[in-house]
Amino acid sequence: TEDRTSVAIVFERVNRMGIPLDTYQLLTAWTWSDDFDLQGSFQEMAQD
């Protein structure tokens, strides 16, 4: 599918057990560029 909403729902539903590959990681992949890392940006805010 190319429907990202459906993919995000599948992410959430199949990963309720074990180590989740969740929407956070999914969004990190979609928003990443050479000069931006969502997960890294959140970590910086967490430190602040």
All heavy atoms as atom14 arrays in JSON, in Angstrom:
{
  "sequence": "TEDRTSVAIVFERVNRMGIPLDTYQLLTAWTWSDDFDLQGSFQEMAQD",
  "atom14_mask": [
    [1, 1, 1, 1, 1, 1, 1, 0, 0, 0, 0, 0, 0, 0],
    [1, 1, 1, 1, 1, 1, 1, 1, 1, 0, 0, 0, 0, 0],
    [1, 1, 1, 1, 1, 1, 1, 1, 0, 0, 0, 0, 0, 0],
    [1, 1, 1, 1, 1, 1, 1, 1, 1, 1, 1, 0, 0, 0],
    [1, 1, 1, 1, 1, 1, 1, 0, 0, 0, 0, 0, 0, 0],
    [1, 1, 1, 1, 1, 1, 0, 0, 0, 0, 0, 0, 0, 0],
    [1, 1, 1, 1, 1, 1, 1, 0, 0, 0, 0, 0, 0, 0],
    [1, 1, 1, 1, 1, 0, 0, 0, 0, 0, 0, 0, 0, 0],
    [1, 1, 1, 1, 1, 1, 1, 1, 0, 0, 0, 0, 0, 0],
    [1, 1, 1, 1, 1, 1, 1, 0, 0, 0, 0, 0, 0, 0],
    [1, 1, 1, 1, 1, 1, 1, 1, 1, 1, 1, 0, 0, 0],
    [1, 1, 1, 1, 1, 1, 1, 1, 1, 0, 0, 0, 0, 0],
    [1, 1, 1, 1, 1, 1, 1, 1, 1, 1, 1, 0, 0, 0],
    [1, 1, 1, 1, 1, 1, 1, 0, 0, 0, 0, 0, 0, 0],
    [1, 1, 1, 1, 1, 1, 1, 1, 0, 0, 0, 0, 0, 0],
    [1, 1, 1, 1, 1, 1, 1, 1, 1, 1, 1, 0, 0, 0],
    [1, 1, 1, 1, 1, 1, 1, 1, 0, 0, 0, 0, 0, 0],
    [1, 1, 1, 1, 0, 0, 0, 0, 0, 0, 0, 0, 0, 0],
    [1, 1, 1, 1, 1, 1, 1, 1, 0, 0, 0, 0, 0, 0],
    [1, 1, 1, 1, 1, 1, 1, 0, 0, 0, 0, 0, 0, 0],
    [1, 1, 1, 1, 1, 1, 1, 1, 0, 0, 0, 0, 0, 0],
    [1, 1, 1, 1, 1, 1, 1, 1, 0, 0, 0, 0, 0, 0],
    [1, 1, 1, 1, 1, 1, 1, 0, 0, 0, 0, 0, 0, 0],
    [1, 1, 1, 1, 1, 1, 1, 1, 1, 1, 1, 1, 0, 0],
    [1, 1, 1, 1, 1, 1, 1, 1, 1, 0, 0, 0, 0, 0],
    [1, 1, 1, 1, 1, 1, 1, 1, 0, 0, 0, 0, 0, 0],
    [1, 1, 1, 1, 1, 1, 1, 1, 0, 0, 0, 0, 0, 0],
    [1, 1, 1, 1, 1, 1, 1, 0, 0, 0, 0, 0, 0, 0],
    [1, 1, 1, 1, 1, 0, 0, 0, 0, 0, 0, 0, 0, 0],
    [1, 1, 1, 1, 1, 1, 1, 1, 1, 1, 1, 1, 1, 1],
    [1, 1, 1, 1, 1, 1, 1, 0, 0, 0, 0, 0, 0, 0],
    [1, 1, 1, 1, 1, 1, 1, 1, 1, 1, 1, 1, 1, 1],
    [1, 1, 1, 1, 1, 1, 0, 0, 0, 0, 0, 0, 0, 0],
    [1, 1, 1, 1, 1, 1, 1, 1, 0, 0, 0, 0, 0, 0],
    [1, 1, 1, 1, 1, 1, 1, 1, 0, 0, 0, 0, 0, 0],
    [1, 1, 1, 1, 1, 1, 1, 1, 1, 1, 1, 0, 0, 0],
    [1, 1, 1, 1, 1, 1, 1, 1, 0, 0, 0, 0, 0, 0],
    [1, 1, 1, 1, 1, 1, 1, 1, 0, 0, 0, 0, 0, 0],
    [1, 1, 1, 1, 1, 1, 1, 1, 1, 0, 0, 0, 0, 0],
    [1, 1, 1, 1, 0, 0, 0, 0, 0, 0, 0, 0, 0, 0],
    [1, 1, 1, 1, 1, 1, 0, 0, 0, 0, 0, 0, 0, 0],
    [1, 1, 1, 1, 1, 1, 1, 1, 1, 1, 1, 0, 0, 0],
    [1, 1, 1, 1, 1, 1, 1, 1, 1, 0, 0, 0, 0, 0],
    [1, 1, 1, 1, 1, 1, 1, 1, 1, 0, 0, 0, 0, 0],
    [1, 1, 1, 1, 1, 1, 1, 1, 0, 0, 0, 0, 0, 0],
    [1, 1, 1, 1, 1, 0, 0, 0, 0, 0, 0, 0, 0, 0],
    [1, 1, 1, 1, 1, 1, 1, 1, 1, 0, 0, 0, 0, 0],
    [1, 1, 1, 1, 1, 1, 1, 1, 0, 0, 0, 0, 0, 0]
  ],
  "atom14_positions": [
    [[0.85, -1.2, 0.0], [0.0, 0.0, 0.0], [0.88, 1.24, 0.0], [2.04, 1.2, 0.43], [-0.92, 0.03, 1.23], [-1.77, 1.18, 1.15], [-0.13, 0.11, 2.51], [0.0, 0.0, 0.0], [0.0, 0.0, 0.0], [0.0, 0.0, 0.0], [0.0, 0.0, 0.0], [0.0, 0.0, 0.0], [0.0, 0.0, 0.0], [0.0, 0.0, 0.0]],
    [[0.31, 2.33, -0.47], [0.98, 3.63, -0.36], [0.26, 4.52, 0.66], [0.6, 5.68, 0.82], [0.99, 4.33, -1.74], [1.72, 3.56, -2.82], [3.18, 3.3, -2.48], [3.82, 4.17, -1.87], [3.67, 2.19, -2.81], [0.0, 0.0, 0.0], [0.0, 0.0, 0.0], [0.0, 0.0, 0.0], [0.0, 0.0, 0.0], [0.0, 0.0, 0.0]],
    [[-0.74, 3.96, 1.33], [-1.52, 4.7, 2.33], [-0.8, 4.66, 3.67], [-0.8, 3.65, 4.37], [-2.91, 4.08, 2.47], [-3.78, 4.8, 3.5], [-3.34, 5.85, 4.0], [-4.88, 4.31, 3.8], [0.0, 0.0, 0.0], [0.0, 0.0, 0.0], [0.0, 0.0, 0.0], [0.0, 0.0, 0.0], [0.0, 0.0, 0.0], [0.0, 0.0, 0.0]],
    [[-0.18, 5.77, 4.03], [0.64, 5.79, 5.24], [-0.18, 5.64, 6.51], [0.29, 5.1, 7.51], [1.45, 7.09, 5.29], [2.49, 7.18, 4.2], [3.35, 8.41, 4.37], [4.45, 8.41, 3.41], [5.44, 9.29, 3.44], [5.46, 10.22, 4.37], [6.4, 9.24, 2.55], [0.0, 0.0, 0.0], [0.0, 0.0, 0.0], [0.0, 0.0, 0.0]],
    [[-1.41, 6.12, 6.5], [-2.26, 5.96, 7.69], [-2.48, 4.48, 7.99], [-2.38, 4.05, 9.14], [-3.62, 6.66, 7.48], [-3.39, 8.04, 7.2], [-4.47, 6.51, 8.72], [0.0, 0.0, 0.0], [0.0, 0.0, 0.0], [0.0, 0.0, 0.0], [0.0, 0.0, 0.0], [0.0, 0.0, 0.0], [0.0, 0.0, 0.0], [0.0, 0.0, 0.0]],
    [[-2.77, 3.7, 6.96], [-2.97, 2.27, 7.16], [-1.7, 1.61, 7.69], [-1.75, 0.75, 8.57], [-3.38, 1.6, 5.84], [-4.61, 2.13, 5.39], [0.0, 0.0, 0.0], [0.0, 0.0, 0.0], [0.0, 0.0, 0.0], [0.0, 0.0, 0.0], [0.0, 0.0, 0.0], [0.0, 0.0, 0.0], [0.0, 0.0, 0.0], [0.0, 0.0, 0.0]],
    [[-0.57, 2.01, 7.15], [0.7, 1.43, 7.6], [0.95, 1.75, 9.07], [1.37, 0.9, 9.86], [1.87, 1.94, 6.73], [3.2, 1.42, 7.26], [1.68, 1.5, 5.29], [0.0, 0.0, 0.0], [0.0, 0.0, 0.0], [0.0, 0.0, 0.0], [0.0, 0.0, 0.0], [0.0, 0.0, 0.0], [0.0, 0.0, 0.0], [0.0, 0.0, 0.0]],
    [[0.66, 2.99, 9.46], [0.87, 3.38, 10.86], [-0.02, 2.56, 11.79], [0.41, 2.16, 12.88], [0.58, 4.87, 11.03], [0.0, 0.0, 0.0], [0.0, 0.0, 0.0], [0.0, 0.0, 0.0], [0.0, 0.0, 0.0], [0.0, 0.0, 0.0], [0.0, 0.0, 0.0], [0.0, 0.0, 0.0], [0.0, 0.0, 0.0], [0.0, 0.0, 0.0]],
    [[-1.25, 2.32, 11.38], [-2.16, 1.52, 12.2], [-1.64, 0.09, 12.32], [-1.64, -0.51, 13.4], [-3.58, 1.54, 11.61], [-4.17, 2.95, 11.72], [-4.48, 0.53, 12.32], [-5.48, 3.14, 10.99], [0.0, 0.0, 0.0], [0.0, 0.0, 0.0], [0.0, 0.0, 0.0], [0.0, 0.0, 0.0], [0.0, 0.0, 0.0], [0.0, 0.0, 0.0]],
    [[-1.15, -0.46, 11.21], [-0.58, -1.82, 11.25], [0.63, -1.85, 12.18], [0.8, -2.77, 12.98], [-0.2, -2.29, 9.83], [0.58, -3.59, 9.9], [-1.45, -2.45, 8.99], [0.0, 0.0, 0.0], [0.0, 0.0, 0.0], [0.0, 0.0, 0.0], [0.0, 0.0, 0.0], [0.0, 0.0, 0.0], [0.0, 0.0, 0.0], [0.0, 0.0, 0.0]],
    [[1.5, -0.86, 12.08], [2.65, -0.74, 12.97], [2.2, -0.88, 14.42], [2.76, -1.65, 15.19], [3.3, 0.65, 12.82], [4.58, 0.64, 12.03], [4.59, 1.1, 10.74], [5.75, 0.19, 12.59], [5.76, 1.12, 10.01], [6.93, 0.21, 11.88], [6.92, 0.68, 10.58], [0.0, 0.0, 0.0], [0.0, 0.0, 0.0], [0.0, 0.0, 0.0]],
    [[1.2, -0.09, 14.78], [0.75, -0.04, 16.17], [0.13, -1.37, 16.6], [0.4, -1.87, 17.69], [-0.28, 1.08, 16.33], [-0.82, 1.22, 17.75], [-1.86, 2.31, 17.85], [-2.1, 3.01, 16.85], [-2.44, 2.46, 18.93], [0.0, 0.0, 0.0], [0.0, 0.0, 0.0], [0.0, 0.0, 0.0], [0.0, 0.0, 0.0], [0.0, 0.0, 0.0]],
    [[-0.66, -1.98, 15.72], [-1.4, -3.18, 16.12], [-0.52, -4.43, 16.22], [-0.71, -5.25, 17.1], [-2.54, -3.44, 15.13], [-3.63, -2.39, 15.25], [-4.82, -2.72, 14.37], [-5.85, -1.7, 14.52], [-7.02, -1.73, 13.89], [-7.3, -2.72, 13.05], [-7.9, -0.77, 14.08], [0.0, 0.0, 0.0], [0.0, 0.0, 0.0], [0.0, 0.0, 0.0]],
    [[0.44, -4.57, 15.33], [1.25, -5.79, 15.35], [2.39, -5.71, 16.34], [3.02, -6.71, 16.64], [1.82, -6.13, 13.95], [0.71, -6.29, 12.95], [2.84, -5.1, 13.51], [0.0, 0.0, 0.0], [0.0, 0.0, 0.0], [0.0, 0.0, 0.0], [0.0, 0.0, 0.0], [0.0, 0.0, 0.0], [0.0, 0.0, 0.0], [0.0, 0.0, 0.0]],
    [[2.67, -4.53, 16.88], [3.81, -4.39, 17.77], [3.4, -4.05, 19.19], [4.08, -3.31, 19.89], [4.76, -3.33, 17.23], [5.55, -3.83, 16.05], [6.44, -4.66, 16.2], [5.21, -3.37, 14.86], [0.0, 0.0, 0.0], [0.0, 0.0, 0.0], [0.0, 0.0, 0.0], [0.0, 0.0, 0.0], [0.0, 0.0, 0.0], [0.0, 0.0, 0.0]],
    [[2.27, -4.56, 19.65], [1.85, -4.32, 21.02], [2.56, -5.24, 21.99], [2.47, -5.07, 23.19], [0.34, -4.48, 21.14], [-0.4, -3.3, 20.5], [-1.9, -3.44, 20.57], [-2.54, -2.27, 20.02], [-3.84, -2.18, 19.77], [-4.62, -3.21, 20.01], [-4.36, -1.08, 19.27], [0.0, 0.0, 0.0], [0.0, 0.0, 0.0], [0.0, 0.0, 0.0]],
    [[3.26, -6.25, 21.47], [4.06, -7.14, 22.31], [5.5, -7.04, 21.83], [5.79, -6.68, 20.71], [3.58, -8.59, 22.19], [2.13, -8.78, 22.61], [1.86, -8.48, 24.36], [2.67, -9.91, 25.04], [0.0, 0.0, 0.0], [0.0, 0.0, 0.0], [0.0, 0.0, 0.0], [0.0, 0.0, 0.0], [0.0, 0.0, 0.0], [0.0, 0.0, 0.0]],
    [[6.43, -7.39, 22.72], [7.84, -7.38, 22.34], [8.36, -5.97, 22.22], [7.88, -5.02, 22.83], [0.0, 0.0, 0.0], [0.0, 0.0, 0.0], [0.0, 0.0, 0.0], [0.0, 0.0, 0.0], [0.0, 0.0, 0.0], [0.0, 0.0, 0.0], [0.0, 0.0, 0.0], [0.0, 0.0, 0.0], [0.0, 0.0, 0.0], [0.0, 0.0, 0.0]],
    [[9.39, -5.77, 21.4], [10.02, -4.47, 21.21], [9.32, -3.76, 20.06], [9.34, -4.24, 18.93], [11.51, -4.61, 20.91], [12.21, -5.3, 22.1], [12.15, -3.26, 20.63], [13.66, -5.6, 21.86], [0.0, 0.0, 0.0], [0.0, 0.0, 0.0], [0.0, 0.0, 0.0], [0.0, 0.0, 0.0], [0.0, 0.0, 0.0], [0.0, 0.0, 0.0]],
    [[8.64, -2.65, 20.33], [7.82, -2.04, 19.28], [8.64, -1.29, 18.24], [9.57, -0.58, 18.54], [6.93, -1.07, 20.07], [7.75, -0.7, 21.26], [8.56, -1.93, 21.6], [0.0, 0.0, 0.0], [0.0, 0.0, 0.0], [0.0, 0.0, 0.0], [0.0, 0.0, 0.0], [0.0, 0.0, 0.0], [0.0, 0.0, 0.0], [0.0, 0.0, 0.0]],
    [[8.29, -1.5, 16.98], [8.76, -0.65, 15.9], [7.59, 0.28, 15.63], [6.71, -0.02, 14.83], [9.09, -1.5, 14.68], [9.81, -0.82, 13.51], [11.15, -0.27, 13.95], [9.99, -1.81, 12.37], [0.0, 0.0, 0.0], [0.0, 0.0, 0.0], [0.0, 0.0, 0.0], [0.0, 0.0, 0.0], [0.0, 0.0, 0.0], [0.0, 0.0, 0.0]],
    [[7.51, 1.38, 16.38], [6.26, 2.11, 16.49], [6.2, 3.32, 15.58], [7.07, 3.55, 14.75], [6.02, 2.52, 17.94], [7.21, 3.29, 18.51], [8.01, 3.83, 17.71], [7.34, 3.36, 19.73], [0.0, 0.0, 0.0], [0.0, 0.0, 0.0], [0.0, 0.0, 0.0], [0.0, 0.0, 0.0], [0.0, 0.0, 0.0], [0.0, 0.0, 0.0]],
    [[5.13, 4.08, 15.76], [4.92, 5.26, 14.93], [6.07, 6.24, 15.05], [6.41, 6.96, 14.11], [3.6, 5.94, 15.32], [2.55, 4.97, 15.29], [3.27, 7.06, 14.37], [0.0, 0.0, 0.0], [0.0, 0.0, 0.0], [0.0, 0.0, 0.0], [0.0, 0.0, 0.0], [0.0, 0.0, 0.0], [0.0, 0.0, 0.0], [0.0, 0.0, 0.0]],
    [[6.69, 6.28, 16.22], [7.84, 7.16, 16.45], [8.95, 6.82, 15.47], [9.5, 7.69, 14.79], [8.29, 6.97, 17.9], [9.43, 7.84, 18.36], [9.55, 9.16, 17.94], [10.36, 7.36, 19.27], [10.57, 9.95, 18.39], [11.39, 8.14, 19.74], [11.49, 9.45, 19.3], [12.52, 10.23, 19.75], [0.0, 0.0, 0.0], [0.0, 0.0, 0.0]],
    [[9.27, 5.53, 15.35], [10.32, 5.12, 14.43], [9.89, 5.28, 12.98], [10.68, 5.64, 12.11], [10.7, 3.66, 14.71], [11.38, 3.48, 16.07], [11.44, 2.01, 16.46], [10.41, 1.4, 16.7], [12.62, 1.46, 16.5], [0.0, 0.0, 0.0], [0.0, 0.0, 0.0], [0.0, 0.0, 0.0], [0.0, 0.0, 0.0], [0.0, 0.0, 0.0]],
    [[8.6, 5.01, 12.72], [8.08, 5.18, 11.38], [8.18, 6.64, 10.94], [8.63, 6.95, 9.84], [6.63, 4.71, 11.33], [5.92, 4.77, 9.96], [6.62, 3.87, 8.96], [4.47, 4.37, 10.11], [0.0, 0.0, 0.0], [0.0, 0.0, 0.0], [0.0, 0.0, 0.0], [0.0, 0.0, 0.0], [0.0, 0.0, 0.0], [0.0, 0.0, 0.0]],
    [[7.76, 7.54, 11.82], [7.84, 8.95, 11.49], [9.28, 9.41, 11.35], [9.61, 10.25, 10.52], [7.13, 9.78, 12.56], [6.99, 11.28, 12.24], [6.08, 11.48, 11.05], [6.47, 12.05, 13.44], [0.0, 0.0, 0.0], [0.0, 0.0, 0.0], [0.0, 0.0, 0.0], [0.0, 0.0, 0.0], [0.0, 0.0, 0.0], [0.0, 0.0, 0.0]],
    [[10.17, 8.86, 12.17], [11.59, 9.17, 12.06], [12.08, 8.84, 10.66], [12.84, 9.6, 10.05], [12.39, 8.39, 13.11], [11.98, 8.79, 14.42], [13.88, 8.65, 12.97], [0.0, 0.0, 0.0], [0.0, 0.0, 0.0], [0.0, 0.0, 0.0], [0.0, 0.0, 0.0], [0.0, 0.0, 0.0], [0.0, 0.0, 0.0], [0.0, 0.0, 0.0]],
    [[11.65, 7.69, 10.14], [12.06, 7.3, 8.79], [11.5, 8.25, 7.74], [12.21, 8.66, 6.81], [11.6, 5.87, 8.5], [0.0, 0.0, 0.0], [0.0, 0.0, 0.0], [0.0, 0.0, 0.0], [0.0, 0.0, 0.0], [0.0, 0.0, 0.0], [0.0, 0.0, 0.0], [0.0, 0.0, 0.0], [0.0, 0.0, 0.0], [0.0, 0.0, 0.0]],
    [[10.25, 8.64, 7.88], [9.61, 9.48, 6.87], [10.14, 10.91, 6.87], [10.11, 11.59, 5.86], [8.1, 9.5, 7.09], [7.42, 8.31, 6.53], [7.86, 7.49, 5.53], [6.16, 7.77, 6.94], [6.97, 6.48, 5.29], [5.92, 6.63, 6.13], [5.23, 8.14, 7.89], [4.77, 5.86, 6.27], [4.09, 7.38, 8.01], [3.86, 6.25, 7.21]],
    [[10.57, 11.38, 8.02], [10.95, 12.79, 8.1], [12.45, 13.0, 7.98], [12.92, 14.12, 7.95], [10.49, 13.4, 9.44], [11.09, 12.68, 10.53], [8.99, 13.36, 9.57], [0.0, 0.0, 0.0], [0.0, 0.0, 0.0], [0.0, 0.0, 0.0], [0.0, 0.0, 0.0], [0.0, 0.0, 0.0], [0.0, 0.0, 0.0], [0.0, 0.0, 0.0]],
    [[13.23, 11.9, 7.92], [14.67, 12.03, 7.96], [15.22, 12.69, 6.71], [14.74, 12.48, 5.6], [15.31, 10.65, 8.14], [16.8, 10.7, 8.21], [17.56, 10.92, 9.31], [17.71, 10.52, 7.12], [18.88, 10.89, 8.98], [19.01, 10.64, 7.64], [17.55, 10.27, 5.76], [20.14, 10.52, 6.85], [18.68, 10.15, 4.96], [19.95, 10.27, 5.51]],
    [[16.23, 13.51, 6.9], [17.02, 14.04, 5.8], [18.46, 14.12, 6.29], [18.75, 13.83, 7.45], [16.52, 15.43, 5.36], [16.81, 16.38, 6.36], [0.0, 0.0, 0.0], [0.0, 0.0, 0.0], [0.0, 0.0, 0.0], [0.0, 0.0, 0.0], [0.0, 0.0, 0.0], [0.0, 0.0, 0.0], [0.0, 0.0, 0.0], [0.0, 0.0, 0.0]],
    [[19.36, 14.5, 5.41], [20.77, 14.55, 5.8], [21.02, 15.53, 6.94], [21.97, 15.37, 7.71], [21.64, 14.95, 4.6], [21.75, 13.82, 3.59], [21.53, 12.66, 4.0], [22.04, 14.1, 2.41], [0.0, 0.0, 0.0], [0.0, 0.0, 0.0], [0.0, 0.0, 0.0], [0.0, 0.0, 0.0], [0.0, 0.0, 0.0], [0.0, 0.0, 0.0]],
    [[20.17, 16.54, 7.08], [20.39, 17.54, 8.13], [19.29, 17.54, 9.18], [19.16, 18.48, 9.95], [20.52, 18.94, 7.52], [19.29, 19.34, 6.71], [18.4, 18.48, 6.54], [19.24, 20.49, 6.24], [0.0, 0.0, 0.0], [0.0, 0.0, 0.0], [0.0, 0.0, 0.0], [0.0, 0.0, 0.0], [0.0, 0.0, 0.0], [0.0, 0.0, 0.0]],
    [[18.47, 16.49, 9.23], [17.41, 16.43, 10.24], [17.14, 14.98, 10.63], [16.93, 14.13, 9.78], [16.12, 17.06, 9.7], [14.98, 17.05, 10.69], [14.88, 18.05, 11.64], [14.03, 16.04, 10.68], [13.82, 18.05, 12.56], [12.98, 16.03, 11.6], [12.89, 17.05, 12.54], [0.0, 0.0, 0.0], [0.0, 0.0, 0.0], [0.0, 0.0, 0.0]],
    [[17.15, 14.74, 11.94], [16.84, 13.42, 12.48], [15.82, 13.62, 13.58], [16.14, 14.19, 14.63], [18.12, 12.77, 13.01], [17.86, 11.38, 13.61], [16.68, 11.0, 13.71], [18.83, 10.7, 13.96], [0.0, 0.0, 0.0], [0.0, 0.0, 0.0], [0.0, 0.0, 0.0], [0.0, 0.0, 0.0], [0.0, 0.0, 0.0], [0.0, 0.0, 0.0]],
    [[14.57, 13.2, 13.34], [13.5, 13.44, 14.31], [13.84, 12.86, 15.67], [13.67, 13.51, 16.71], [12.19, 12.85, 13.79], [10.98, 13.03, 14.72], [10.56, 14.49, 14.74], [9.82, 12.16, 14.27], [0.0, 0.0, 0.0], [0.0, 0.0, 0.0], [0.0, 0.0, 0.0], [0.0, 0.0, 0.0], [0.0, 0.0, 0.0], [0.0, 0.0, 0.0]],
    [[14.32, 11.63, 15.68], [14.63, 10.98, 16.95], [15.72, 11.74, 17.68], [15.65, 11.96, 18.89], [15.05, 9.53, 16.72], [15.11, 8.7, 17.99], [15.18, 7.22, 17.72], [15.13, 6.8, 16.57], [15.31, 6.43, 18.75], [0.0, 0.0, 0.0], [0.0, 0.0, 0.0], [0.0, 0.0, 0.0], [0.0, 0.0, 0.0], [0.0, 0.0, 0.0]],
    [[16.74, 12.16, 16.94], [17.8, 12.94, 17.56], [17.3, 14.28, 18.07], [17.72, 14.74, 19.14], [0.0, 0.0, 0.0], [0.0, 0.0, 0.0], [0.0, 0.0, 0.0], [0.0, 0.0, 0.0], [0.0, 0.0, 0.0], [0.0, 0.0, 0.0], [0.0, 0.0, 0.0], [0.0, 0.0, 0.0], [0.0, 0.0, 0.0], [0.0, 0.0, 0.0]],
    [[16.38, 14.9, 17.33], [15.82, 16.19, 17.76], [15.01, 16.03, 19.05], [15.07, 16.87, 19.94], [14.92, 16.77, 16.65], [15.67, 17.02, 15.48], [0.0, 0.0, 0.0], [0.0, 0.0, 0.0], [0.0, 0.0, 0.0], [0.0, 0.0, 0.0], [0.0, 0.0, 0.0], [0.0, 0.0, 0.0], [0.0, 0.0, 0.0], [0.0, 0.0, 0.0]],
    [[14.23, 14.93, 19.15], [13.49, 14.67, 20.37], [14.44, 14.41, 21.54], [14.19, 14.82, 22.67], [12.56, 13.47, 20.18], [11.21, 13.83, 19.61], [10.48, 12.91, 18.9], [10.68, 15.1, 19.8], [9.23, 13.22, 18.37], [9.45, 15.44, 19.28], [8.72, 14.5, 18.57], [0.0, 0.0, 0.0], [0.0, 0.0, 0.0], [0.0, 0.0, 0.0]],
    [[15.54, 13.72, 21.27], [16.5, 13.45, 22.33], [17.11, 14.74, 22.85], [17.35, 14.89, 24.05], [17.6, 12.51, 21.82], [17.14, 11.09, 21.54], [16.83, 10.32, 22.8], [16.92, 10.84, 23.9], [16.43, 9.07, 22.65], [0.0, 0.0, 0.0], [0.0, 0.0, 0.0], [0.0, 0.0, 0.0], [0.0, 0.0, 0.0], [0.0, 0.0, 0.0]],
    [[17.38, 15.68, 21.96], [17.91, 16.98, 22.39], [16.91, 17.7, 23.29], [17.28, 18.3, 24.31], [18.24, 17.84, 21.17], [19.44, 17.34, 20.37], [19.67, 18.18, 19.14], [19.0, 19.24, 18.99], [20.52, 17.8, 18.31], [0.0, 0.0, 0.0], [0.0, 0.0, 0.0], [0.0, 0.0, 0.0], [0.0, 0.0, 0.0], [0.0, 0.0, 0.0]],
    [[15.63, 17.66, 22.91], [14.6, 18.27, 23.74], [14.51, 17.57, 25.08], [14.33, 18.21, 26.13], [13.24, 18.22, 23.03], [13.14, 19.12, 21.83], [11.56, 18.93, 20.97], [10.42, 19.4, 22.25], [0.0, 0.0, 0.0], [0.0, 0.0, 0.0], [0.0, 0.0, 0.0], [0.0, 0.0, 0.0], [0.0, 0.0, 0.0], [0.0, 0.0, 0.0]],
    [[14.64, 16.25, 25.06], [14.58, 15.48, 26.31], [15.7, 15.9, 27.25], [15.5, 16.01, 28.46], [14.68, 13.98, 26.0], [0.0, 0.0, 0.0], [0.0, 0.0, 0.0], [0.0, 0.0, 0.0], [0.0, 0.0, 0.0], [0.0, 0.0, 0.0], [0.0, 0.0, 0.0], [0.0, 0.0, 0.0], [0.0, 0.0, 0.0], [0.0, 0.0, 0.0]],
    [[16.87, 16.15, 26.71], [17.98, 16.6, 27.54], [17.72, 17.99, 28.11], [18.05, 18.26, 29.26], [19.27, 16.59, 26.73], [19.73, 15.18, 26.34], [20.88, 15.19, 25.36], [21.43, 16.25, 25.04], [21.26, 14.02, 24.87], [0.0, 0.0, 0.0], [0.0, 0.0, 0.0], [0.0, 0.0, 0.0], [0.0, 0.0, 0.0], [0.0, 0.0, 0.0]],
    [[17.11, 18.85, 27.3], [16.8, 20.21, 27.78], [15.84, 20.16, 28.97], [15.91, 21.01, 29.85], [16.17, 21.04, 26.65], [17.18, 21.37, 25.56], [18.39, 21.29, 25.83], [16.75, 21.69, 24.43], [0.0, 0.0, 0.0], [0.0, 0.0, 0.0], [0.0, 0.0, 0.0], [0.0, 0.0, 0.0], [0.0, 0.0, 0.0], [0.0, 0.0, 0.0]]
  ]
}
